[in-house]
Amino acid sequence: MSARQDDAAIVRIARTRGVGLPNAREVWRSRDLLYFLIVRDLKVRYKQTAIGVAWVILQPLTTLIVFSVVLGRLADVPSEGLPYAVFAVVGLAPWQLFSRTLADASGSLLADQRLITRVYFPRLIVPTSMVAAALADFGAAALLVAAVMAVYGVAPSANIVWLPCFLALMLMTVLGVGYWLSALYLEFRDVRYAVPFLTQVWLFATPVVYPASLVPDRWQLVYALNPLVGVVEGFRWSVLGSGAGPDASLAVSVAVAAAIFLSGVLFFDWRERTFVDAVGSGGR
């Protein structure tokens, strides 16, 4: 045995944490990395595209035109006394934020596998950065909402001061679902096929292109178990003043959204210790 030994230091990384929840201080210390990921996602999203950020407007605009023709004119779907285009665009704005973020967040850990296998940081910020970056797209979609309302001469409601509350409800929902799916994605790669299917089913289970009033009263509380019901109806109530406003159904949606968010954080934190191994094994 050689008397000479290399002066190698063994570094043990110990996580400080609360009762089953990620330590908020760790996340705060990594805020610079969160900012970097957000800026990177915004730059990469439309890199080498022919029309760049115009896609932010063209995507919801095209969807709006299709729904307005097929559902508004041909199927004559009711729109609570509002021009159907106005009714639909206010529902599409939060839905586009949700669907786009869900797709990006679910595969975010795999996309950043080189980062998570080389350095320790709270992995929670990876799917979170996708949500924060998508808010920039939502700002552009809000301009489309304002333009459509101006074309039809519809003024915003005084209830619009409550809009940030419903936006927070949306973010809580999509973050919770995003944490669940991103953690599952590493181990079960067929999640990539499940997300488009889930999004399609969720669209028609949400009053995006039809009013929630079409659902019978006896089923309203069950219907509100979908937290996006409270989000979309809340957006319409705050922006257009349509609907009955906050009620028991909204309380149900808030409770479910909070449960999804909390369980998503806990599940993500529980599975985080396996992320590096899951990346190396290639999932199932």
C-alpha atoms as a PDB file:
ATOM      1  CA  MET A   1       0.000   0.000   0.000  1.00  0.00           C
ATOM      2  CA  SER A   2       1.468   3.298  -0.985  1.00  0.00           C
ATOM      3  CA  ALA A   3       2.125   5.791   1.766  1.00  0.00           C
ATOM      4  CA  ARG A   4       1.190   8.547  -0.561  1.00  0.00           C
ATOM      5  CA  GLN A   5      -2.515   9.277  -0.723  1.00  0.00           C
ATOM      6  CA  ASP A   6      -4.336  11.740  -2.907  1.00  0.00           C
ATOM      7  CA  ASP A   7      -5.833  14.656  -1.057  1.00  0.00           C
ATOM      8  CA  ALA A   8      -9.342  13.993  -2.260  1.00  0.00           C
ATOM      9  CA  ALA A   9     -12.256  15.506  -0.501  1.00  0.00           C
ATOM     10  CA  ILE A  10     -15.588  13.776  -0.243  1.00  0.00           C
ATOM     11  CA  VAL A  11     -18.443  16.221  -0.378  1.00  0.00           C
ATOM     12  CA  ARG A  12     -21.773  15.101   0.975  1.00  0.00           C
ATOM     13  CA  ILE A  13     -24.806  17.112  -0.047  1.00  0.00           C
ATOM     14  CA  ALA A  14     -27.441  17.227   2.660  1.00  0.00           C
ATOM     15  CA  ARG A  15     -30.848  18.709   1.980  1.00  0.00           C
ATOM     16  CA  THR A  16     -32.437  20.812   4.653  1.00  0.00           C
ATOM     17  CA  ARG A  17     -36.177  20.552   4.479  1.00  0.00           C
ATOM     18  CA  GLY A  18     -39.400  20.963   6.355  1.00  0.00           C
ATOM     19  CA  VAL A  19     -42.062  18.375   7.044  1.00  0.00           C
ATOM     20  CA  GLY A  20     -42.277  16.627   3.688  1.00  0.00           C
ATOM     21  CA  LEU A  21     -42.052  19.862   1.703  1.00  0.00           C
ATOM     22  CA  PRO A  22     -39.130  21.302  -0.262  1.00  0.00           C
ATOM     23  CA  ASN A  23     -37.239  23.941   1.640  1.00  0.00           C
ATOM     24  CA  ALA A  24     -38.363  27.335   0.354  1.00  0.00           C
ATOM     25  CA  ARG A  25     -34.963  28.771   1.264  1.00  0.00           C
ATOM     26  CA  GLU A  26     -33.242  26.388  -1.163  1.00  0.00           C
ATOM     27  CA  VAL A  27     -35.589  27.426  -3.937  1.00  0.00           C
ATOM     28  CA  TRP A  28     -34.990  31.101  -3.154  1.00  0.00           C
ATOM     29  CA  ARG A  29     -31.215  30.621  -3.257  1.00  0.00           C
ATOM     30  CA  SER A  30     -31.602  29.181  -6.764  1.00  0.00           C
ATOM     31  CA  ARG A  31     -33.655  32.106  -8.059  1.00  0.00           C
ATOM     32  CA  ASP A  32     -30.845  33.134 -10.424  1.00  0.00           C
ATOM     33  CA  LEU A  33     -31.001  29.718 -12.066  1.00  0.00           C
ATOM     34  CA  LEU A  34     -34.778  30.017 -12.298  1.00  0.00           C
ATOM     35  CA  TYR A  35     -34.371  33.364 -14.046  1.00  0.00           C
ATOM     36  CA  PHE A  36     -31.796  31.860 -16.419  1.00  0.00           C
ATOM     37  CA  LEU A  37     -34.116  28.967 -17.324  1.00  0.00           C
ATOM     38  CA  ILE A  38     -37.001  31.340 -17.974  1.00  0.00           C
ATOM     39  CA  VAL A  39     -34.926  33.557 -20.267  1.00  0.00           C
ATOM     40  CA  ARG A  40     -33.490  30.520 -22.040  1.00  0.00           C
ATOM     41  CA  ASP A  41     -36.947  29.050 -22.675  1.00  0.00           C
ATOM     42  CA  LEU A  42     -38.209  32.350 -24.059  1.00  0.00           C
ATOM     43  CA  LYS A  43     -35.235  32.629 -26.429  1.00  0.00           C
ATOM     44  CA  VAL A  44     -35.329  29.018 -27.607  1.00  0.00           C
ATOM     45  CA  ARG A  45     -39.092  28.802 -28.051  1.00  0.00           C
ATOM     46  CA  TYR A  46     -39.212  30.828 -31.270  1.00  0.00           C
ATOM     47  CA  LYS A  47     -35.609  30.493 -32.390  1.00  0.00           C
ATOM     48  CA  GLN A  48     -35.267  29.885 -36.142  1.00  0.00           C
ATOM     49  CA  THR A  49     -39.002  30.291 -36.724  1.00  0.00           C
ATOM     50  CA  ALA A  50     -40.214  32.177 -39.781  1.00  0.00           C
ATOM     51  CA  ILE A  51     -42.631  34.508 -38.011  1.00  0.00           C
ATOM     52  CA  GLY A  52     -41.262  34.325 -34.451  1.00  0.00           C
ATOM     53  CA  VAL A  53     -43.461  35.502 -31.606  1.00  0.00           C
ATOM     54  CA  ALA A  54     -46.372  36.044 -33.987  1.00  0.00           C
ATOM     55  CA  TRP A  55     -47.217  32.392 -33.277  1.00  0.00           C
ATOM     56  CA  VAL A  56     -48.382  33.538 -29.840  1.00  0.00           C
ATOM     57  CA  ILE A  57     -51.247  35.390 -31.542  1.00  0.00           C
ATOM     58  CA  LEU A  58     -51.786  33.137 -34.571  1.00  0.00           C
ATOM     59  CA  GLN A  59     -52.369  29.947 -32.589  1.00  0.00           C
ATOM     60  CA  PRO A  60     -55.259  31.191 -30.411  1.00  0.00           C
ATOM     61  CA  LEU A  61     -56.598  33.315 -33.297  1.00  0.00           C
ATOM     62  CA  THR A  62     -56.824  30.303 -35.602  1.00  0.00           C
ATOM     63  CA  THR A  63     -58.478  28.230 -32.868  1.00  0.00           C
ATOM     64  CA  LEU A  64     -60.921  31.067 -32.213  1.00  0.00           C
ATOM     65  CA  ILE A  65     -61.906  31.299 -35.887  1.00  0.00           C
ATOM     66  CA  VAL A  66     -62.512  27.547 -36.121  1.00  0.00           C
ATOM     67  CA  PHE A  67     -64.620  27.442 -32.967  1.00  0.00           C
ATOM     68  CA  SER A  68     -66.561  30.571 -33.947  1.00  0.00           C
ATOM     69  CA  VAL A  69     -67.521  29.084 -37.319  1.00  0.00           C
ATOM     70  CA  VAL A  70     -68.166  25.486 -36.247  1.00  0.00           C
ATOM     71  CA  LEU A  71     -69.707  26.030 -32.815  1.00  0.00           C
ATOM     72  CA  GLY A  72     -70.828  29.642 -32.890  1.00  0.00           C
ATOM     73  CA  ARG A  73     -72.525  29.612 -36.292  1.00  0.00           C
ATOM     74  CA  LEU A  74     -73.118  26.021 -37.375  1.00  0.00           C
ATOM     75  CA  ALA A  75     -73.878  24.426 -33.993  1.00  0.00           C
ATOM     76  CA  ASP A  76     -75.325  27.660 -32.531  1.00  0.00           C
ATOM     77  CA  VAL A  77     -73.791  27.049 -29.090  1.00  0.00           C
ATOM     78  CA  PRO A  78     -75.196  29.593 -26.568  1.00  0.00           C
ATOM     79  CA  SER A  79     -72.819  32.301 -25.364  1.00  0.00           C
ATOM     80  CA  GLU A  80     -74.702  33.936 -22.466  1.00  0.00           C
ATOM     81  CA  GLY A  81     -75.928  36.878 -24.565  1.00  0.00           C
ATOM     82  CA  LEU A  82     -72.431  37.812 -25.736  1.00  0.00           C
ATOM     83  CA  PRO A  83     -70.957  37.650 -29.248  1.00  0.00           C
ATOM     84  CA  TYR A  84     -69.658  34.103 -29.506  1.00  0.00           C
ATOM     85  CA  ALA A  85     -66.164  35.237 -30.527  1.00  0.00           C
ATOM     86  CA  VAL A  86     -65.869  37.340 -27.366  1.00  0.00           C
ATOM     87  CA  PHE A  87     -67.278  34.543 -25.223  1.00  0.00           C
ATOM     88  CA  ALA A  88     -64.840  32.001 -26.683  1.00  0.00           C
ATOM     89  CA  VAL A  89     -61.680  34.112 -26.716  1.00  0.00           C
ATOM     90  CA  VAL A  90     -61.948  34.839 -22.979  1.00  0.00           C
ATOM     91  CA  GLY A  91     -62.191  31.097 -22.329  1.00  0.00           C
ATOM     92  CA  LEU A  92     -59.382  30.255 -24.739  1.00  0.00           C
ATOM     93  CA  ALA A  93     -56.856  32.625 -23.127  1.00  0.00           C
ATOM     94  CA  PRO A  94     -56.477  30.700 -19.843  1.00  0.00           C
ATOM     95  CA  TRP A  95     -56.891  27.379 -21.641  1.00  0.00           C
ATOM     96  CA  GLN A  96     -53.984  28.118 -24.006  1.00  0.00           C
ATOM     97  CA  LEU A  97     -51.837  28.986 -20.991  1.00  0.00           C
ATOM     98  CA  PHE A  98     -52.790  25.724 -19.298  1.00  0.00           C
ATOM     99  CA  SER A  99     -52.371  23.385 -22.283  1.00  0.00           C
ATOM    100  CA  ARG A 100     -49.097  24.884 -23.491  1.00  0.00           C
ATOM    101  CA  THR A 101     -47.574  24.867 -20.017  1.00  0.00           C
ATOM    102  CA  LEU A 102     -48.721  21.330 -19.304  1.00  0.00           C
ATOM    103  CA  ALA A 103     -47.058  20.058 -22.474  1.00  0.00           C
ATOM    104  CA  ASP A 104     -43.793  21.889 -21.733  1.00  0.00           C
ATOM    105  CA  ALA A 105     -43.641  21.125 -18.009  1.00  0.00           C
ATOM    106  CA  SER A 106     -44.293  17.395 -18.378  1.00  0.00           C
ATOM    107  CA  GLY A 107     -41.099  16.821 -20.380  1.00  0.00           C
ATOM    108  CA  SER A 108     -39.008  19.541 -18.742  1.00  0.00           C
ATOM    109  CA  LEU A 109     -36.869  17.268 -16.548  1.00  0.00           C
ATOM    110  CA  LEU A 110     -35.951  15.012 -19.448  1.00  0.00           C
ATOM    111  CA  ALA A 111     -35.134  18.030 -21.611  1.00  0.00           C
ATOM    112  CA  ASP A 112     -32.771  19.307 -18.893  1.00  0.00           C
ATOM    113  CA  GLN A 113     -31.303  15.898 -18.015  1.00  0.00           C
ATOM    114  CA  ARG A 114     -27.732  17.112 -18.521  1.00  0.00           C
ATOM    115  CA  LEU A 115     -28.284  19.820 -15.955  1.00  0.00           C
ATOM    116  CA  ILE A 116     -29.929  17.672 -13.301  1.00  0.00           C
ATOM    117  CA  THR A 117     -27.272  14.933 -13.542  1.00  0.00           C
ATOM    118  CA  ARG A 118     -24.304  17.274 -13.106  1.00  0.00           C
ATOM    119  CA  VAL A 119     -25.137  19.681 -10.317  1.00  0.00           C
ATOM    120  CA  TYR A 120     -27.479  19.778  -7.371  1.00  0.00           C
ATOM    121  CA  PHE A 121     -30.227  22.375  -7.210  1.00  0.00           C
ATOM    122  CA  PRO A 122     -33.929  22.183  -6.288  1.00  0.00           C
ATOM    123  CA  ARG A 123     -35.307  20.352  -9.327  1.00  0.00           C
ATOM    124  CA  LEU A 124     -38.690  21.888  -8.614  1.00  0.00           C
ATOM    125  CA  ILE A 125     -37.608  25.035 -10.414  1.00  0.00           C
ATOM    126  CA  VAL A 126     -37.322  23.210 -13.777  1.00  0.00           C
ATOM    127  CA  PRO A 127     -41.073  22.645 -14.374  1.00  0.00           C
ATOM    128  CA  THR A 128     -41.773  25.911 -12.557  1.00  0.00           C
ATOM    129  CA  SER A 129     -39.684  27.823 -15.097  1.00  0.00           C
ATOM    130  CA  MET A 130     -41.920  26.520 -17.897  1.00  0.00           C
ATOM    131  CA  VAL A 131     -44.964  28.054 -16.217  1.00  0.00           C
ATOM    132  CA  ALA A 132     -43.235  31.380 -15.677  1.00  0.00           C
ATOM    133  CA  ALA A 133     -42.078  31.519 -19.311  1.00  0.00           C
ATOM    134  CA  ALA A 134     -45.598  30.744 -20.539  1.00  0.00           C
ATOM    135  CA  LEU A 135     -46.894  33.848 -18.766  1.00  0.00           C
ATOM    136  CA  ALA A 136     -45.186  35.922 -21.453  1.00  0.00           C
ATOM    137  CA  ASP A 137     -47.311  34.142 -24.064  1.00  0.00           C
ATOM    138  CA  PHE A 138     -50.371  34.754 -21.921  1.00  0.00           C
ATOM    139  CA  GLY A 139     -49.636  38.477 -21.987  1.00  0.00           C
ATOM    140  CA  ALA A 140     -49.703  38.389 -25.778  1.00  0.00           C
ATOM    141  CA  ALA A 141     -52.933  36.359 -25.737  1.00  0.00           C
ATOM    142  CA  ALA A 142     -54.458  39.021 -23.488  1.00  0.00           C
ATOM    143  CA  LEU A 143     -53.858  41.539 -26.270  1.00  0.00           C
ATOM    144  CA  LEU A 144     -55.911  39.312 -28.588  1.00  0.00           C
ATOM    145  CA  VAL A 145     -58.722  39.262 -26.029  1.00  0.00           C
ATOM    146  CA  ALA A 146     -58.656  43.057 -25.824  1.00  0.00           C
ATOM    147  CA  ALA A 147     -58.655  43.359 -29.625  1.00  0.00           C
ATOM    148  CA  VAL A 148     -61.651  41.021 -30.093  1.00  0.00           C
ATOM    149  CA  MET A 149     -63.596  42.819 -27.355  1.00  0.00           C
ATOM    150  CA  ALA A 150     -62.831  46.162 -29.008  1.00  0.00           C
ATOM    151  CA  VAL A 151     -63.993  44.892 -32.419  1.00  0.00           C
ATOM    152  CA  TYR A 152     -67.356  43.814 -30.954  1.00  0.00           C
ATOM    153  CA  GLY A 153     -67.674  46.875 -28.740  1.00  0.00           C
ATOM    154  CA  VAL A 154     -67.679  44.925 -25.466  1.00  0.00           C
ATOM    155  CA  ALA A 155     -66.259  46.829 -22.507  1.00  0.00           C
ATOM    156  CA  PRO A 156     -64.486  45.027 -19.645  1.00  0.00           C
ATOM    157  CA  SER A 157     -66.453  44.491 -16.459  1.00  0.00           C
ATOM    158  CA  ALA A 158     -65.673  46.215 -13.177  1.00  0.00           C
ATOM    159  CA  ASN A 159     -65.058  42.720 -11.822  1.00  0.00           C
ATOM    160  CA  ILE A 160     -61.756  42.660 -13.709  1.00  0.00           C
ATOM    161  CA  VAL A 161     -59.967  43.612 -10.486  1.00  0.00           C
ATOM    162  CA  TRP A 162     -60.497  39.967  -9.444  1.00  0.00           C
ATOM    163  CA  LEU A 163     -58.725  38.603 -12.529  1.00  0.00           C
ATOM    164  CA  PRO A 164     -55.355  38.055 -10.761  1.00  0.00           C
ATOM    165  CA  CYS A 165     -57.102  35.728  -8.288  1.00  0.00           C
ATOM    166  CA  PHE A 166     -58.329  33.464 -11.082  1.00  0.00           C
ATOM    167  CA  LEU A 167     -54.947  33.633 -12.792  1.00  0.00           C
ATOM    168  CA  ALA A 168     -53.391  32.453  -9.511  1.00  0.00           C
ATOM    169  CA  LEU A 169     -55.916  29.608  -9.419  1.00  0.00           C
ATOM    170  CA  MET A 170     -54.883  28.636 -12.935  1.00  0.00           C
ATOM    171  CA  LEU A 171     -51.180  28.692 -12.050  1.00  0.00           C
ATOM    172  CA  MET A 172     -51.762  26.611  -8.930  1.00  0.00           C
ATOM    173  CA  THR A 173     -53.589  23.996 -11.005  1.00  0.00           C
ATOM    174  CA  VAL A 174     -51.092  23.773 -13.846  1.00  0.00           C
ATOM    175  CA  LEU A 175     -48.124  23.731 -11.463  1.00  0.00           C
ATOM    176  CA  GLY A 176     -49.618  20.868  -9.485  1.00  0.00           C
ATOM    177  CA  VAL A 177     -50.391  18.807 -12.587  1.00  0.00           C
ATOM    178  CA  GLY A 178     -47.011  19.741 -14.082  1.00  0.00           C
ATOM    179  CA  TYR A 179     -45.144  18.499 -10.995  1.00  0.00           C
ATOM    180  CA  TRP A 180     -46.993  15.186 -11.135  1.00  0.00           C
ATOM    181  CA  LEU A 181     -46.417  14.608 -14.849  1.00  0.00           C
ATOM    182  CA  SER A 182     -42.793  15.794 -14.955  1.00  0.00           C
ATOM    183  CA  ALA A 183     -41.844  13.412 -12.133  1.00  0.00           C
ATOM    184  CA  LEU A 184     -43.707  10.526 -13.776  1.00  0.00           C
ATOM    185  CA  TYR A 185     -42.254  11.284 -17.205  1.00  0.00           C
ATOM    186  CA  LEU A 186     -38.726  10.267 -16.198  1.00  0.00           C
ATOM    187  CA  GLU A 187     -39.819   6.790 -15.140  1.00  0.00           C
ATOM    188  CA  PHE A 188     -42.673   6.208 -17.570  1.00  0.00           C
ATOM    189  CA  ARG A 189     -41.844   7.665 -20.964  1.00  0.00           C
ATOM    190  CA  ASP A 190     -45.296   6.841 -22.330  1.00  0.00           C
ATOM    191  CA  VAL A 191     -46.482   9.919 -20.408  1.00  0.00           C
ATOM    192  CA  ARG A 192     -45.570  11.805 -23.602  1.00  0.00           C
ATOM    193  CA  TYR A 193     -48.481  10.032 -25.329  1.00  0.00           C
ATOM    194  CA  ALA A 194     -50.844  10.466 -22.408  1.00  0.00           C
ATOM    195  CA  VAL A 195     -50.451  14.258 -22.167  1.00  0.00           C
ATOM    196  CA  PRO A 196     -52.038  15.130 -25.571  1.00  0.00           C
ATOM    197  CA  PHE A 197     -54.908  12.730 -24.838  1.00  0.00           C
ATOM    198  CA  LEU A 198     -55.378  14.188 -21.348  1.00  0.00           C
ATOM    199  CA  THR A 199     -55.343  17.717 -22.761  1.00  0.00           C
ATOM    200  CA  GLN A 200     -57.945  16.893 -25.408  1.00  0.00           C
ATOM    201  CA  VAL A 201     -60.320  15.285 -22.908  1.00  0.00           C
ATOM    202  CA  TRP A 202     -59.774  18.116 -20.428  1.00  0.00           C
ATOM    203  CA  LEU A 203     -60.688  20.698 -23.083  1.00  0.00           C
ATOM    204  CA  PHE A 204     -64.175  19.288 -23.559  1.00  0.00           C
ATOM    205  CA  ALA A 205     -64.591  18.773 -19.803  1.00  0.00           C
ATOM    206  CA  THR A 206     -63.996  22.518 -19.339  1.00  0.00           C
ATOM    207  CA  PRO A 207     -66.438  25.309 -20.357  1.00  0.00           C
ATOM    208  CA  VAL A 208     -63.995  26.870 -22.808  1.00  0.00           C
ATOM    209  CA  VAL A 209     -66.258  26.916 -25.880  1.00  0.00           C
ATOM    210  CA  TYR A 210     -69.610  26.404 -24.160  1.00  0.00           C
ATOM    211  CA  PRO A 211     -71.161  27.900 -21.000  1.00  0.00           C
ATOM    212  CA  ALA A 212     -71.119  25.942 -17.740  1.00  0.00           C
ATOM    213  CA  SER A 213     -74.853  26.657 -17.479  1.00  0.00           C
ATOM    214  CA  LEU A 214     -75.442  23.847 -19.997  1.00  0.00           C
ATOM    215  CA  VAL A 215     -74.583  21.387 -17.225  1.00  0.00           C
ATOM    216  CA  PRO A 216     -77.675  20.509 -15.117  1.00  0.00           C
ATOM    217  CA  ASP A 217     -77.788  22.150 -11.688  1.00  0.00           C
ATOM    218  CA  ARG A 218     -77.622  18.831  -9.848  1.00  0.00           C
ATOM    219  CA  TRP A 219     -74.259  18.116 -11.462  1.00  0.00           C
ATOM    220  CA  GLN A 220     -72.676  21.547 -11.004  1.00  0.00           C
ATOM    221  CA  LEU A 221     -70.673  20.663  -7.867  1.00  0.00           C
ATOM    222  CA  VAL A 222     -69.446  17.438  -9.447  1.00  0.00           C
ATOM    223  CA  TYR A 223     -68.550  19.373 -12.584  1.00  0.00           C
ATOM    224  CA  ALA A 224     -66.588  21.843 -10.453  1.00  0.00           C
ATOM    225  CA  LEU A 225     -64.252  19.038  -9.365  1.00  0.00           C
ATOM    226  CA  ASN A 226     -62.461  20.062 -12.536  1.00  0.00           C
ATOM    227  CA  PRO A 227     -60.586  23.123 -11.192  1.00  0.00           C
ATOM    228  CA  LEU A 228     -60.453  24.665 -14.663  1.00  0.00           C
ATOM    229  CA  VAL A 229     -64.217  25.128 -14.457  1.00  0.00           C
ATOM    230  CA  GLY A 230     -63.675  27.683 -11.711  1.00  0.00           C
ATOM    231  CA  VAL A 231     -60.802  29.245 -13.653  1.00  0.00           C
ATOM    232  CA  VAL A 232     -62.592  29.714 -16.979  1.00  0.00           C
ATOM    233  CA  GLU A 233     -65.904  30.777 -15.437  1.00  0.00           C
ATOM    234  CA  GLY A 234     -63.977  33.133 -13.173  1.00  0.00           C
ATOM    235  CA  PHE A 235     -62.186  34.681 -16.140  1.00  0.00           C
ATOM    236  CA  ARG A 236     -65.504  35.308 -17.888  1.00  0.00           C
ATOM    237  CA  TRP A 237     -67.101  36.735 -14.764  1.00  0.00           C
ATOM    238  CA  SER A 238     -64.173  39.071 -14.073  1.00  0.00           C
ATOM    239  CA  VAL A 239     -63.560  40.197 -17.667  1.00  0.00           C
ATOM    240  CA  LEU A 240     -67.105  40.179 -19.117  1.00  0.00           C
ATOM    241  CA  GLY A 241     -69.331  40.187 -16.031  1.00  0.00           C
ATOM    242  CA  SER A 242     -71.150  37.076 -17.311  1.00  0.00           C
ATOM    243  CA  GLY A 243     -72.270  34.188 -15.144  1.00  0.00           C
ATOM    244  CA  ALA A 244     -73.359  34.058 -11.525  1.00  0.00           C
ATOM    245  CA  GLY A 245     -69.984  34.947 -10.062  1.00  0.00           C
ATOM    246  CA  PRO A 246     -68.186  33.214  -7.180  1.00  0.00           C
ATOM    247  CA  ASP A 247     -70.333  30.507  -5.564  1.00  0.00           C
ATOM    248  CA  ALA A 248     -70.073  27.024  -4.047  1.00  0.00           C
ATOM    249  CA  SER A 249     -68.786  25.608  -7.337  1.00  0.00           C
ATOM    250  CA  LEU A 250     -65.830  27.984  -7.241  1.00  0.00           C
ATOM    251  CA  ALA A 251     -65.043  26.894  -3.679  1.00  0.00           C
ATOM    252  CA  VAL A 252     -64.948  23.274  -4.864  1.00  0.00           C
ATOM    253  CA  SER A 253     -62.605  24.166  -7.733  1.00  0.00           C
ATOM    254  CA  VAL A 254     -60.287  26.076  -5.381  1.00  0.00           C
ATOM    255  CA  ALA A 255     -60.162  23.161  -2.938  1.00  0.00           C
ATOM    256  CA  VAL A 256     -59.359  20.660  -5.703  1.00  0.00           C
ATOM    257  CA  ALA A 257     -56.702  22.957  -7.202  1.00  0.00           C
ATOM    258  CA  ALA A 258     -55.043  23.329  -3.798  1.00  0.00           C
ATOM    259  CA  ALA A 259     -55.085  19.541  -3.324  1.00  0.00           C
ATOM    260  CA  ILE A 260     -53.539  18.980  -6.765  1.00  0.00           C
ATOM    261  CA  PHE A 261     -50.823  21.550  -6.091  1.00  0.00           C
ATOM    262  CA  LEU A 262     -49.904  20.264  -2.634  1.00  0.00           C
ATOM    263  CA  SER A 263     -49.936  16.611  -3.690  1.00  0.00           C
ATOM    264  CA  GLY A 264     -47.886  17.503  -6.775  1.00  0.00           C
ATOM    265  CA  VAL A 265     -45.213  19.200  -4.669  1.00  0.00           C
ATOM    266  CA  LEU A 266     -45.096  16.274  -2.231  1.00  0.00           C
ATOM    267  CA  PHE A 267     -44.937  13.664  -4.985  1.00  0.00           C
ATOM    268  CA  PHE A 268     -42.239  15.568  -6.864  1.00  0.00           C
ATOM    269  CA  ASP A 269     -40.187  15.927  -3.694  1.00  0.00           C
ATOM    270  CA  TRP A 270     -40.585  12.213  -2.906  1.00  0.00           C
ATOM    271  CA  ARG A 271     -39.434  11.136  -6.373  1.00  0.00           C
ATOM    272  CA  GLU A 272     -36.635  13.695  -6.691  1.00  0.00           C
ATOM    273  CA  ARG A 273     -34.048  11.370  -5.175  1.00  0.00           C
ATOM    274  CA  THR A 274     -34.593   8.930  -8.074  1.00  0.00           C
ATOM    275  CA  PHE A 275     -34.362  11.444 -10.922  1.00  0.00           C
ATOM    276  CA  VAL A 276     -30.687  10.894 -11.761  1.00  0.00           C
ATOM    277  CA  ASP A 277     -31.097   7.103 -11.788  1.00  0.00           C
ATOM    278  CA  ALA A 278     -34.256   7.379 -13.898  1.00  0.00           C
ATOM    279  CA  VAL A 279     -32.446   9.481 -16.493  1.00  0.00           C
ATOM    280  CA  GLY A 280     -29.617   6.959 -16.662  1.00  0.00           C
ATOM    281  CA  SER A 281     -31.935   3.978 -17.010  1.00  0.00           C
ATOM    282  CA  GLY A 282     -33.966   5.596 -19.789  1.00  0.00           C
ATOM    283  CA  GLY A 283     -37.302   5.124 -18.012  1.00  0.00           C
ATOM    284  CA  ARG A 284     -39.804   2.380 -18.770  1.00  0.00           C
END
